[in-house]
Amino acid sequence: MIERAGFGRTGHDSSRVVFGAAALARMRQEKADEILPVLREFGVNHLDTAADYGDSELRLAAWLAGRRHEFFLATKTSERTGDGARASLERSLQRLGVDQVDLIQLHNLVEEDDWQTAHGSAGAVTALARARDEGLVRFIGVTGHGLRIAGMHRRSLERFDFDSVLLPCNYALLSDGGYRSDFEALVETCQTRRVAVQTIKSVARRRWAEGDGPRFSWYEPLSDHDAIARAVRYVLGRPELFLITSSDAHLLRPILEAASAPGAPPSEAELDADVAAQGIHPLFDGAELDRI
């Protein structure tokens, strides 16, 4: 079973592995119904989806019927204006078949103009805070990708008291000194303020090369099970972090098996060996920033 921990200050003990429902985006309901029981097998009780994840919210709706109380349910909006964010949230509630979500997250809030709009007086943050007061959502978070995101999250936390953040974390990425410094500063801030820290891209290998495939996520994930296990243990070796599963549903069971198995975090020597043997490269280089 997956270990559980307090999800920030929400009062919810979440599985430290969160189901990334982006994996359901283009999936038939029949296939989704085959995959979702795996979550109960491993004790996963936290779901993360988004308005932009294709049919993901619809695929979850059928699963949540009669089980809503079992899961902490998070979704996201890419809207930056207040009216847009409100409409997006209401549509997500309808698609999910629920009256309330536990967490609504501002999706990929990185660019300056987006940030200014979202935090403005008529922006998404104000609208979502109002929706929280009305009981449509319990908590508000912020997510993002790329090398700038850790710094942007700290800036967002200075402006608004978010309950969670989400950003990339893996060994290759944290080998970048600048990103690692920003990441550690963000984690320190979040621990002080009891803000939950969610991580993505734990099992990323590299960007796809031309002609590679089949593609079930925008990046190429690791395929070697031992390397996957070490990548998962690297992230979960830090008790303050939560890990969101890959958008490639084929990796759901390997990730959950790695997370539930006993074992110490891998050594740097082991991780360096994986980087060489698996051809691991950082996904972000500051030029192409922030894809889902």
C-alpha atoms as a PDB file:
ATOM      1  CA  MET A   1       0.000   0.000   0.000  1.00  0.00           C
ATOM      2  CA  ILE A   2       1.106   3.549  -0.700  1.00  0.00           C
ATOM      3  CA  GLU A   3       2.182   5.584   2.314  1.00  0.00           C
ATOM      4  CA  ARG A   4      -0.057   8.524   3.250  1.00  0.00           C
ATOM      5  CA  ALA A   5       0.861  11.937   4.576  1.00  0.00           C
ATOM      6  CA  GLY A   6      -0.871  15.173   5.458  1.00  0.00           C
ATOM      7  CA  PHE A   7      -1.538  17.149   2.288  1.00  0.00           C
ATOM      8  CA  GLY A   8      -0.264  20.482   3.492  1.00  0.00           C
ATOM      9  CA  ARG A   9      -2.697  22.148   5.867  1.00  0.00           C
ATOM     10  CA  THR A  10      -5.822  20.697   4.243  1.00  0.00           C
ATOM     11  CA  GLY A  11      -6.353  18.124   6.976  1.00  0.00           C
ATOM     12  CA  HIS A  12      -6.427  15.320   4.397  1.00  0.00           C
ATOM     13  CA  ASP A  13      -4.048  12.359   4.580  1.00  0.00           C
ATOM     14  CA  SER A  14      -3.309  11.808   0.901  1.00  0.00           C
ATOM     15  CA  SER A  15      -1.500   8.907  -0.668  1.00  0.00           C
ATOM     16  CA  ARG A  16       1.987  10.163  -1.436  1.00  0.00           C
ATOM     17  CA  VAL A  17       1.406   9.044  -4.993  1.00  0.00           C
ATOM     18  CA  VAL A  18      -1.398  11.014  -6.636  1.00  0.00           C
ATOM     19  CA  PHE A  19      -3.150   9.644  -9.706  1.00  0.00           C
ATOM     20  CA  GLY A  20      -2.420  11.843 -12.696  1.00  0.00           C
ATOM     21  CA  ALA A  21      -5.720  11.633 -14.569  1.00  0.00           C
ATOM     22  CA  ALA A  22      -4.173  13.147 -17.684  1.00  0.00           C
ATOM     23  CA  ALA A  23      -3.681   9.461 -18.498  1.00  0.00           C
ATOM     24  CA  LEU A  24      -7.445   9.270 -19.161  1.00  0.00           C
ATOM     25  CA  ALA A  25      -7.551  12.187 -21.599  1.00  0.00           C
ATOM     26  CA  ARG A  26      -8.056  10.143 -24.790  1.00  0.00           C
ATOM     27  CA  MET A  27      -9.164   6.883 -23.206  1.00  0.00           C
ATOM     28  CA  ARG A  28     -12.444   5.055 -23.767  1.00  0.00           C
ATOM     29  CA  GLN A  29     -14.608   4.626 -20.671  1.00  0.00           C
ATOM     30  CA  GLU A  30     -14.243   0.848 -20.847  1.00  0.00           C
ATOM     31  CA  LYS A  31     -10.469   1.115 -20.645  1.00  0.00           C
ATOM     32  CA  ALA A  32     -10.625   3.694 -17.868  1.00  0.00           C
ATOM     33  CA  ASP A  33     -12.876   1.373 -15.898  1.00  0.00           C
ATOM     34  CA  GLU A  34     -10.188  -1.297 -16.145  1.00  0.00           C
ATOM     35  CA  ILE A  35      -7.424   1.015 -14.928  1.00  0.00           C
ATOM     36  CA  LEU A  36      -9.065   2.875 -12.079  1.00  0.00           C
ATOM     37  CA  PRO A  37      -9.506  -0.160  -9.772  1.00  0.00           C
ATOM     38  CA  VAL A  38      -5.701  -0.329  -9.623  1.00  0.00           C
ATOM     39  CA  LEU A  39      -5.844   2.827  -7.493  1.00  0.00           C
ATOM     40  CA  ARG A  40      -7.838   1.084  -4.781  1.00  0.00           C
ATOM     41  CA  GLU A  41      -5.495  -1.904  -4.941  1.00  0.00           C
ATOM     42  CA  PHE A  42      -2.606   0.341  -3.903  1.00  0.00           C
ATOM     43  CA  GLY A  43      -4.563   2.677  -1.640  1.00  0.00           C
ATOM     44  CA  VAL A  44      -4.368   5.781  -3.841  1.00  0.00           C
ATOM     45  CA  ASN A  45      -6.925   8.274  -2.529  1.00  0.00           C
ATOM     46  CA  HIS A  46      -6.018  11.481  -4.376  1.00  0.00           C
ATOM     47  CA  LEU A  47      -6.959  12.284  -7.995  1.00  0.00           C
ATOM     48  CA  ASP A  48      -5.508  15.095 -10.110  1.00  0.00           C
ATOM     49  CA  THR A  49      -7.210  16.125 -13.348  1.00  0.00           C
ATOM     50  CA  ALA A  50      -7.746  19.341 -15.329  1.00  0.00           C
ATOM     51  CA  ALA A  51     -10.267  21.015 -17.578  1.00  0.00           C
ATOM     52  CA  ASP A  52      -7.689  20.777 -20.379  1.00  0.00           C
ATOM     53  CA  TYR A  53      -7.120  17.028 -20.049  1.00  0.00           C
ATOM     54  CA  GLY A  54      -9.422  15.940 -22.839  1.00  0.00           C
ATOM     55  CA  ASP A  55     -12.155  13.650 -21.534  1.00  0.00           C
ATOM     56  CA  SER A  56     -10.371  12.981 -18.242  1.00  0.00           C
ATOM     57  CA  GLU A  57     -13.040  14.621 -16.079  1.00  0.00           C
ATOM     58  CA  LEU A  58     -15.758  12.651 -17.855  1.00  0.00           C
ATOM     59  CA  ARG A  59     -13.888   9.370 -17.417  1.00  0.00           C
ATOM     60  CA  LEU A  60     -13.523  10.062 -13.691  1.00  0.00           C
ATOM     61  CA  ALA A  61     -17.201  10.962 -13.269  1.00  0.00           C
ATOM     62  CA  ALA A  62     -18.369   7.404 -13.801  1.00  0.00           C
ATOM     63  CA  TRP A  63     -15.765   6.126 -11.338  1.00  0.00           C
ATOM     64  CA  LEU A  64     -16.594   8.733  -8.697  1.00  0.00           C
ATOM     65  CA  ALA A  65     -20.295   7.949  -8.634  1.00  0.00           C
ATOM     66  CA  GLY A  66     -20.828   6.356  -5.242  1.00  0.00           C
ATOM     67  CA  ARG A  67     -17.142   6.730  -4.346  1.00  0.00           C
ATOM     68  CA  ARG A  68     -16.734  10.504  -4.051  1.00  0.00           C
ATOM     69  CA  HIS A  69     -16.034  10.271  -0.306  1.00  0.00           C
ATOM     70  CA  GLU A  70     -13.033   8.011  -0.914  1.00  0.00           C
ATOM     71  CA  PHE A  71     -10.959  10.528  -2.853  1.00  0.00           C
ATOM     72  CA  PHE A  72      -9.413  13.960  -2.557  1.00  0.00           C
ATOM     73  CA  LEU A  73     -10.403  15.422  -5.931  1.00  0.00           C
ATOM     74  CA  ALA A  74      -8.333  18.092  -7.654  1.00  0.00           C
ATOM     75  CA  THR A  75      -8.813  19.761 -11.013  1.00  0.00           C
ATOM     76  CA  LYS A  76      -7.281  22.765 -12.789  1.00  0.00           C
ATOM     77  CA  THR A  77      -8.223  25.761 -14.899  1.00  0.00           C
ATOM     78  CA  SER A  78      -6.083  27.505 -17.487  1.00  0.00           C
ATOM     79  CA  GLU A  79      -8.320  30.577 -17.425  1.00  0.00           C
ATOM     80  CA  ARG A  80      -6.741  33.788 -16.121  1.00  0.00           C
ATOM     81  CA  THR A  81      -9.749  36.088 -15.847  1.00  0.00           C
ATOM     82  CA  GLY A  82     -12.277  35.816 -13.061  1.00  0.00           C
ATOM     83  CA  ASP A  83     -15.229  35.155 -15.342  1.00  0.00           C
ATOM     84  CA  GLY A  84     -13.293  32.555 -17.305  1.00  0.00           C
ATOM     85  CA  ALA A  85     -12.062  30.740 -14.191  1.00  0.00           C
ATOM     86  CA  ARG A  86     -15.545  30.669 -12.674  1.00  0.00           C
ATOM     87  CA  ALA A  87     -17.049  29.248 -15.860  1.00  0.00           C
ATOM     88  CA  SER A  88     -14.255  26.691 -16.090  1.00  0.00           C
ATOM     89  CA  LEU A  89     -14.803  25.547 -12.508  1.00  0.00           C
ATOM     90  CA  GLU A  90     -18.554  25.233 -12.986  1.00  0.00           C
ATOM     91  CA  ARG A  91     -18.022  23.200 -16.154  1.00  0.00           C
ATOM     92  CA  SER A  92     -15.572  20.927 -14.339  1.00  0.00           C
ATOM     93  CA  LEU A  93     -18.077  20.328 -11.552  1.00  0.00           C
ATOM     94  CA  GLN A  94     -20.685  19.378 -14.132  1.00  0.00           C
ATOM     95  CA  ARG A  95     -18.333  17.100 -16.063  1.00  0.00           C
ATOM     96  CA  LEU A  96     -17.127  15.415 -12.877  1.00  0.00           C
ATOM     97  CA  GLY A  97     -20.674  15.004 -11.605  1.00  0.00           C
ATOM     98  CA  VAL A  98     -19.917  16.585  -8.218  1.00  0.00           C
ATOM     99  CA  ASP A  99     -21.065  19.619  -6.242  1.00  0.00           C
ATOM    100  CA  GLN A 100     -17.600  20.449  -4.932  1.00  0.00           C
ATOM    101  CA  VAL A 101     -13.956  19.721  -5.701  1.00  0.00           C
ATOM    102  CA  ASP A 102     -11.361  19.610  -2.971  1.00  0.00           C
ATOM    103  CA  LEU A 103      -8.734  21.571  -4.898  1.00  0.00           C
ATOM    104  CA  ILE A 104      -8.830  23.907  -7.890  1.00  0.00           C
ATOM    105  CA  GLN A 105      -5.444  24.825  -9.321  1.00  0.00           C
ATOM    106  CA  LEU A 106      -4.350  27.625 -11.612  1.00  0.00           C
ATOM    107  CA  HIS A 107      -2.842  25.595 -14.422  1.00  0.00           C
ATOM    108  CA  ASN A 108       0.684  26.444 -15.568  1.00  0.00           C
ATOM    109  CA  LEU A 109       0.897  29.995 -14.232  1.00  0.00           C
ATOM    110  CA  VAL A 110       4.314  31.008 -15.533  1.00  0.00           C
ATOM    111  CA  GLU A 111       4.194  33.885 -18.011  1.00  0.00           C
ATOM    112  CA  GLU A 112       4.203  37.442 -16.704  1.00  0.00           C
ATOM    113  CA  ASP A 113       1.075  38.643 -18.490  1.00  0.00           C
ATOM    114  CA  ASP A 114      -0.862  35.587 -17.344  1.00  0.00           C
ATOM    115  CA  TRP A 115       0.391  36.080 -13.795  1.00  0.00           C
ATOM    116  CA  GLN A 116      -0.644  39.739 -13.699  1.00  0.00           C
ATOM    117  CA  THR A 117      -4.105  38.973 -15.076  1.00  0.00           C
ATOM    118  CA  ALA A 118      -4.720  36.056 -12.730  1.00  0.00           C
ATOM    119  CA  HIS A 119      -3.706  38.060  -9.667  1.00  0.00           C
ATOM    120  CA  GLY A 120      -5.512  41.232 -10.743  1.00  0.00           C
ATOM    121  CA  SER A 121      -8.693  42.527  -9.144  1.00  0.00           C
ATOM    122  CA  ALA A 122     -10.841  40.863 -11.827  1.00  0.00           C
ATOM    123  CA  GLY A 123      -8.593  37.835 -12.115  1.00  0.00           C
ATOM    124  CA  ALA A 124      -8.903  34.118 -11.554  1.00  0.00           C
ATOM    125  CA  VAL A 125      -7.485  34.154  -8.025  1.00  0.00           C
ATOM    126  CA  THR A 126     -10.177  36.473  -6.714  1.00  0.00           C
ATOM    127  CA  ALA A 127     -12.912  34.498  -8.471  1.00  0.00           C
ATOM    128  CA  LEU A 128     -11.692  31.164  -7.157  1.00  0.00           C
ATOM    129  CA  ALA A 129     -11.410  32.545  -3.636  1.00  0.00           C
ATOM    130  CA  ARG A 130     -15.052  33.610  -3.945  1.00  0.00           C
ATOM    131  CA  ALA A 131     -15.979  30.140  -5.189  1.00  0.00           C
ATOM    132  CA  ARG A 132     -14.216  28.728  -2.133  1.00  0.00           C
ATOM    133  CA  ASP A 133     -16.301  30.961   0.107  1.00  0.00           C
ATOM    134  CA  GLU A 134     -19.418  29.658  -1.648  1.00  0.00           C
ATOM    135  CA  GLY A 135     -18.420  26.039  -1.037  1.00  0.00           C
ATOM    136  CA  LEU A 136     -17.749  25.041  -4.657  1.00  0.00           C
ATOM    137  CA  VAL A 137     -14.127  24.274  -3.823  1.00  0.00           C
ATOM    138  CA  ARG A 138     -12.259  23.772  -0.566  1.00  0.00           C
ATOM    139  CA  PHE A 139      -8.675  24.729  -1.454  1.00  0.00           C
ATOM    140  CA  ILE A 140      -6.748  26.614  -4.139  1.00  0.00           C
ATOM    141  CA  GLY A 141      -3.386  25.728  -5.671  1.00  0.00           C
ATOM    142  CA  VAL A 142      -1.046  26.734  -8.479  1.00  0.00           C
ATOM    143  CA  THR A 143       0.885  24.608 -10.968  1.00  0.00           C
ATOM    144  CA  GLY A 144       3.521  25.011 -13.641  1.00  0.00           C
ATOM    145  CA  HIS A 145       6.376  23.672 -15.739  1.00  0.00           C
ATOM    146  CA  GLY A 146       9.821  24.757 -16.849  1.00  0.00           C
ATOM    147  CA  LEU A 147      12.932  26.181 -15.255  1.00  0.00           C
ATOM    148  CA  ARG A 148      11.280  29.382 -14.027  1.00  0.00           C
ATOM    149  CA  ILE A 149       8.363  27.828 -12.236  1.00  0.00           C
ATOM    150  CA  ALA A 150       9.835  27.354  -8.760  1.00  0.00           C
ATOM    151  CA  GLY A 151      10.653  31.051  -8.610  1.00  0.00           C
ATOM    152  CA  MET A 152       7.236  31.978  -9.967  1.00  0.00           C
ATOM    153  CA  HIS A 153       5.535  29.816  -7.362  1.00  0.00           C
ATOM    154  CA  ARG A 154       7.371  31.654  -4.588  1.00  0.00           C
ATOM    155  CA  ARG A 155       6.193  34.913  -6.101  1.00  0.00           C
ATOM    156  CA  SER A 156       2.630  33.604  -6.266  1.00  0.00           C
ATOM    157  CA  LEU A 157       2.793  32.590  -2.611  1.00  0.00           C
ATOM    158  CA  GLU A 158       3.842  36.121  -1.728  1.00  0.00           C
ATOM    159  CA  ARG A 159       0.682  37.454  -3.387  1.00  0.00           C
ATOM    160  CA  PHE A 160      -1.875  34.816  -2.316  1.00  0.00           C
ATOM    161  CA  ASP A 161      -2.034  32.120   0.339  1.00  0.00           C
ATOM    162  CA  PHE A 162      -2.214  29.084  -1.953  1.00  0.00           C
ATOM    163  CA  ASP A 163      -2.723  25.671  -0.361  1.00  0.00           C
ATOM    164  CA  SER A 164      -0.583  23.687  -2.801  1.00  0.00           C
ATOM    165  CA  VAL A 165       1.996  24.007  -5.560  1.00  0.00           C
ATOM    166  CA  LEU A 166       2.906  21.603  -8.353  1.00  0.00           C
ATOM    167  CA  LEU A 167       6.133  21.514 -10.389  1.00  0.00           C
ATOM    168  CA  PRO A 168       8.628  19.145 -12.055  1.00  0.00           C
ATOM    169  CA  CYS A 169      11.109  17.134 -10.012  1.00  0.00           C
ATOM    170  CA  ASN A 170      13.565  14.458 -11.074  1.00  0.00           C
ATOM    171  CA  TYR A 171      17.277  13.806 -10.684  1.00  0.00           C
ATOM    172  CA  ALA A 172      18.329  15.188 -14.062  1.00  0.00           C
ATOM    173  CA  LEU A 173      16.333  18.371 -13.581  1.00  0.00           C
ATOM    174  CA  LEU A 174      17.652  18.981 -10.074  1.00  0.00           C
ATOM    175  CA  SER A 175      21.173  18.582 -11.417  1.00  0.00           C
ATOM    176  CA  ASP A 176      20.657  22.079 -12.851  1.00  0.00           C
ATOM    177  CA  GLY A 177      22.091  24.291 -10.113  1.00  0.00           C
ATOM    178  CA  GLY A 178      19.781  27.212 -10.744  1.00  0.00           C
ATOM    179  CA  TYR A 179      16.626  25.130 -10.764  1.00  0.00           C
ATOM    180  CA  ARG A 180      17.719  23.181  -7.710  1.00  0.00           C
ATOM    181  CA  SER A 181      18.340  26.380  -5.757  1.00  0.00           C
ATOM    182  CA  ASP A 182      14.906  27.746  -6.655  1.00  0.00           C
ATOM    183  CA  PHE A 183      13.273  24.372  -5.948  1.00  0.00           C
ATOM    184  CA  GLU A 184      14.825  24.073  -2.499  1.00  0.00           C
ATOM    185  CA  ALA A 185      13.878  27.649  -1.625  1.00  0.00           C
ATOM    186  CA  LEU A 186      10.292  26.927  -2.645  1.00  0.00           C
ATOM    187  CA  VAL A 187      10.157  23.714  -0.619  1.00  0.00           C
ATOM    188  CA  GLU A 188      11.467  25.564   2.430  1.00  0.00           C
ATOM    189  CA  THR A 189       8.793  28.236   2.035  1.00  0.00           C
ATOM    190  CA  CYS A 190       6.100  25.592   1.628  1.00  0.00           C
ATOM    191  CA  GLN A 191       7.211  23.671   4.697  1.00  0.00           C
ATOM    192  CA  THR A 192       7.145  26.843   6.771  1.00  0.00           C
ATOM    193  CA  ARG A 193       3.641  27.691   5.572  1.00  0.00           C
ATOM    194  CA  ARG A 194       2.356  24.092   5.407  1.00  0.00           C
ATOM    195  CA  VAL A 195       1.732  24.262   1.673  1.00  0.00           C
ATOM    196  CA  ALA A 196       1.598  20.890  -0.093  1.00  0.00           C
ATOM    197  CA  VAL A 197       4.306  20.281  -2.724  1.00  0.00           C
ATOM    198  CA  GLN A 198       3.310  18.050  -5.643  1.00  0.00           C
ATOM    199  CA  THR A 199       5.836  16.869  -8.213  1.00  0.00           C
ATOM    200  CA  ILE A 200       5.538  15.778 -11.834  1.00  0.00           C
ATOM    201  CA  LYS A 201       7.873  14.306 -14.476  1.00  0.00           C
ATOM    202  CA  SER A 202       9.506  11.938 -11.975  1.00  0.00           C
ATOM    203  CA  VAL A 203       9.976   9.208 -14.605  1.00  0.00           C
ATOM    204  CA  ALA A 204      10.794  11.448 -17.570  1.00  0.00           C
ATOM    205  CA  ARG A 205      13.589  10.240 -19.819  1.00  0.00           C
ATOM    206  CA  ARG A 206      13.852  12.988 -22.442  1.00  0.00           C
ATOM    207  CA  ARG A 207      11.885  14.773 -25.132  1.00  0.00           C
ATOM    208  CA  TRP A 208      10.774  12.556 -27.963  1.00  0.00           C
ATOM    209  CA  ALA A 209      13.165  12.211 -30.866  1.00  0.00           C
ATOM    210  CA  GLU A 210      11.765  12.542 -34.367  1.00  0.00           C
ATOM    211  CA  GLY A 211       9.996   9.353 -35.381  1.00  0.00           C
ATOM    212  CA  ASP A 212       9.947   7.803 -31.898  1.00  0.00           C
ATOM    213  CA  GLY A 213       6.756   6.385 -30.449  1.00  0.00           C
ATOM    214  CA  PRO A 214       4.079   5.347 -29.721  1.00  0.00           C
ATOM    215  CA  ARG A 215       3.465   8.473 -27.676  1.00  0.00           C
ATOM    216  CA  PHE A 216       1.178   8.491 -24.663  1.00  0.00           C
ATOM    217  CA  SER A 217       2.695  11.611 -23.092  1.00  0.00           C
ATOM    218  CA  TRP A 218       4.412  14.653 -24.573  1.00  0.00           C
ATOM    219  CA  TYR A 219       7.785  13.483 -23.243  1.00  0.00           C
ATOM    220  CA  GLU A 220       9.392  10.055 -23.504  1.00  0.00           C
ATOM    221  CA  PRO A 221       9.217   8.296 -20.121  1.00  0.00           C
ATOM    222  CA  LEU A 222      11.574   5.699 -18.753  1.00  0.00           C
ATOM    223  CA  SER A 223      10.719   2.142 -19.754  1.00  0.00           C
ATOM    224  CA  ASP A 224      13.213   0.149 -17.675  1.00  0.00           C
ATOM    225  CA  HIS A 225      11.395  -0.965 -14.516  1.00  0.00           C
ATOM    226  CA  ASP A 226      14.472  -0.757 -12.279  1.00  0.00           C
ATOM    227  CA  ALA A 227      15.208   2.774 -13.466  1.00  0.00           C
ATOM    228  CA  ILE A 228      11.558   3.713 -12.933  1.00  0.00           C
ATOM    229  CA  ALA A 229      11.731   2.361  -9.387  1.00  0.00           C
ATOM    230  CA  ARG A 230      14.864   4.366  -8.609  1.00  0.00           C
ATOM    231  CA  ALA A 231      13.336   7.535 -10.087  1.00  0.00           C
ATOM    232  CA  VAL A 232      10.217   7.091  -7.958  1.00  0.00           C
ATOM    233  CA  ARG A 233      12.196   6.379  -4.785  1.00  0.00           C
ATOM    234  CA  TYR A 234      14.348   9.441  -5.476  1.00  0.00           C
ATOM    235  CA  VAL A 235      11.313  11.715  -5.214  1.00  0.00           C
ATOM    236  CA  LEU A 236       9.525   9.861  -2.426  1.00  0.00           C
ATOM    237  CA  GLY A 237      12.741   9.700  -0.428  1.00  0.00           C
ATOM    238  CA  ARG A 238      11.865  13.261   0.548  1.00  0.00           C
ATOM    239  CA  PRO A 239       8.858  12.980   2.892  1.00  0.00           C
ATOM    240  CA  GLU A 240       7.644  16.501   2.125  1.00  0.00           C
ATOM    241  CA  LEU A 241       6.935  15.679  -1.547  1.00  0.00           C
ATOM    242  CA  PHE A 242       3.978  14.081  -3.323  1.00  0.00           C
ATOM    243  CA  LEU A 243       4.437  12.375  -6.698  1.00  0.00           C
ATOM    244  CA  ILE A 244       1.861  12.547  -9.492  1.00  0.00           C
ATOM    245  CA  THR A 245       1.796   9.567 -11.833  1.00  0.00           C
ATOM    246  CA  SER A 246       2.635   9.771 -15.515  1.00  0.00           C
ATOM    247  CA  SER A 247       0.180  10.644 -18.265  1.00  0.00           C
ATOM    248  CA  ASP A 248       1.257   7.337 -19.839  1.00  0.00           C
ATOM    249  CA  ALA A 249      -1.176   4.876 -18.257  1.00  0.00           C
ATOM    250  CA  HIS A 250       1.162   1.966 -19.026  1.00  0.00           C
ATOM    251  CA  LEU A 251       3.398   3.254 -16.239  1.00  0.00           C
ATOM    252  CA  LEU A 252       0.718   3.401 -13.555  1.00  0.00           C
ATOM    253  CA  ARG A 253       1.316  -0.045 -12.085  1.00  0.00           C
ATOM    254  CA  PRO A 254       5.145   0.128 -12.255  1.00  0.00           C
ATOM    255  CA  ILE A 255       5.084   3.480 -10.461  1.00  0.00           C
ATOM    256  CA  LEU A 256       2.679   2.250  -7.795  1.00  0.00           C
ATOM    257  CA  GLU A 257       4.667  -0.936  -7.291  1.00  0.00           C
ATOM    258  CA  ALA A 258       7.867   1.058  -6.870  1.00  0.00           C
ATOM    259  CA  ALA A 259       6.223   3.451  -4.431  1.00  0.00           C
ATOM    260  CA  SER A 260       4.756   0.692  -2.290  1.00  0.00           C
ATOM    261  CA  ALA A 261       7.881  -1.478  -2.151  1.00  0.00           C
ATOM    262  CA  PRO A 262      10.316  -1.064   0.751  1.00  0.00           C
ATOM    263  CA  GLY A 263      13.713   0.344  -0.110  1.00  0.00           C
ATOM    264  CA  ALA A 264      16.049   3.230   0.534  1.00  0.00           C
ATOM    265  CA  PRO A 265      16.372   6.147  -1.867  1.00  0.00           C
ATOM    266  CA  PRO A 266      18.939   5.454  -4.607  1.00  0.00           C
ATOM    267  CA  SER A 267      22.475   6.772  -4.354  1.00  0.00           C
ATOM    268  CA  GLU A 268      23.808   9.464  -6.671  1.00  0.00           C
ATOM    269  CA  ALA A 269      26.044   6.836  -8.235  1.00  0.00           C
ATOM    270  CA  GLU A 270      23.004   4.718  -9.115  1.00  0.00           C
ATOM    271  CA  LEU A 271      21.174   7.723 -10.534  1.00  0.00           C
ATOM    272  CA  ASP A 272      24.198   8.851 -12.520  1.00  0.00           C
ATOM    273  CA  ALA A 273      24.416   5.337 -13.949  1.00  0.00           C
ATOM    274  CA  ASP A 274      20.753   5.562 -14.994  1.00  0.00           C
ATOM    275  CA  VAL A 275      21.337   8.911 -16.662  1.00  0.00           C
ATOM    276  CA  ALA A 276      24.109   7.353 -18.750  1.00  0.00           C
ATOM    277  CA  ALA A 277      22.484   3.999 -19.440  1.00  0.00           C
ATOM    278  CA  GLN A 278      18.971   5.296 -20.151  1.00  0.00           C
ATOM    279  CA  GLY A 279      20.015   8.416 -22.052  1.00  0.00           C
ATOM    280  CA  ILE A 280      18.203  10.724 -19.650  1.00  0.00           C
ATOM    281  CA  HIS A 281      18.161  14.426 -20.512  1.00  0.00           C
ATOM    282  CA  PRO A 282      16.390  17.339 -18.788  1.00  0.00           C
ATOM    283  CA  LEU A 283      13.082  18.204 -20.454  1.00  0.00           C
ATOM    284  CA  PHE A 284      13.441  21.942 -19.990  1.00  0.00           C
ATOM    285  CA  ASP A 285      16.258  24.187 -21.122  1.00  0.00           C
ATOM    286  CA  GLY A 286      14.783  27.651 -20.733  1.00  0.00           C
ATOM    287  CA  ALA A 287      13.898  27.887 -24.408  1.00  0.00           C
ATOM    288  CA  GLU A 288      10.863  25.609 -24.629  1.00  0.00           C
ATOM    289  CA  LEU A 289       9.270  26.198 -21.318  1.00  0.00           C
ATOM    290  CA  ASP A 290       6.155  24.666 -20.223  1.00  0.00           C
ATOM    291  CA  ARG A 291       4.153  22.036 -21.949  1.00  0.00           C
ATOM    292  CA  ILE A 292       1.671  19.757 -20.237  1.00  0.00           C
END
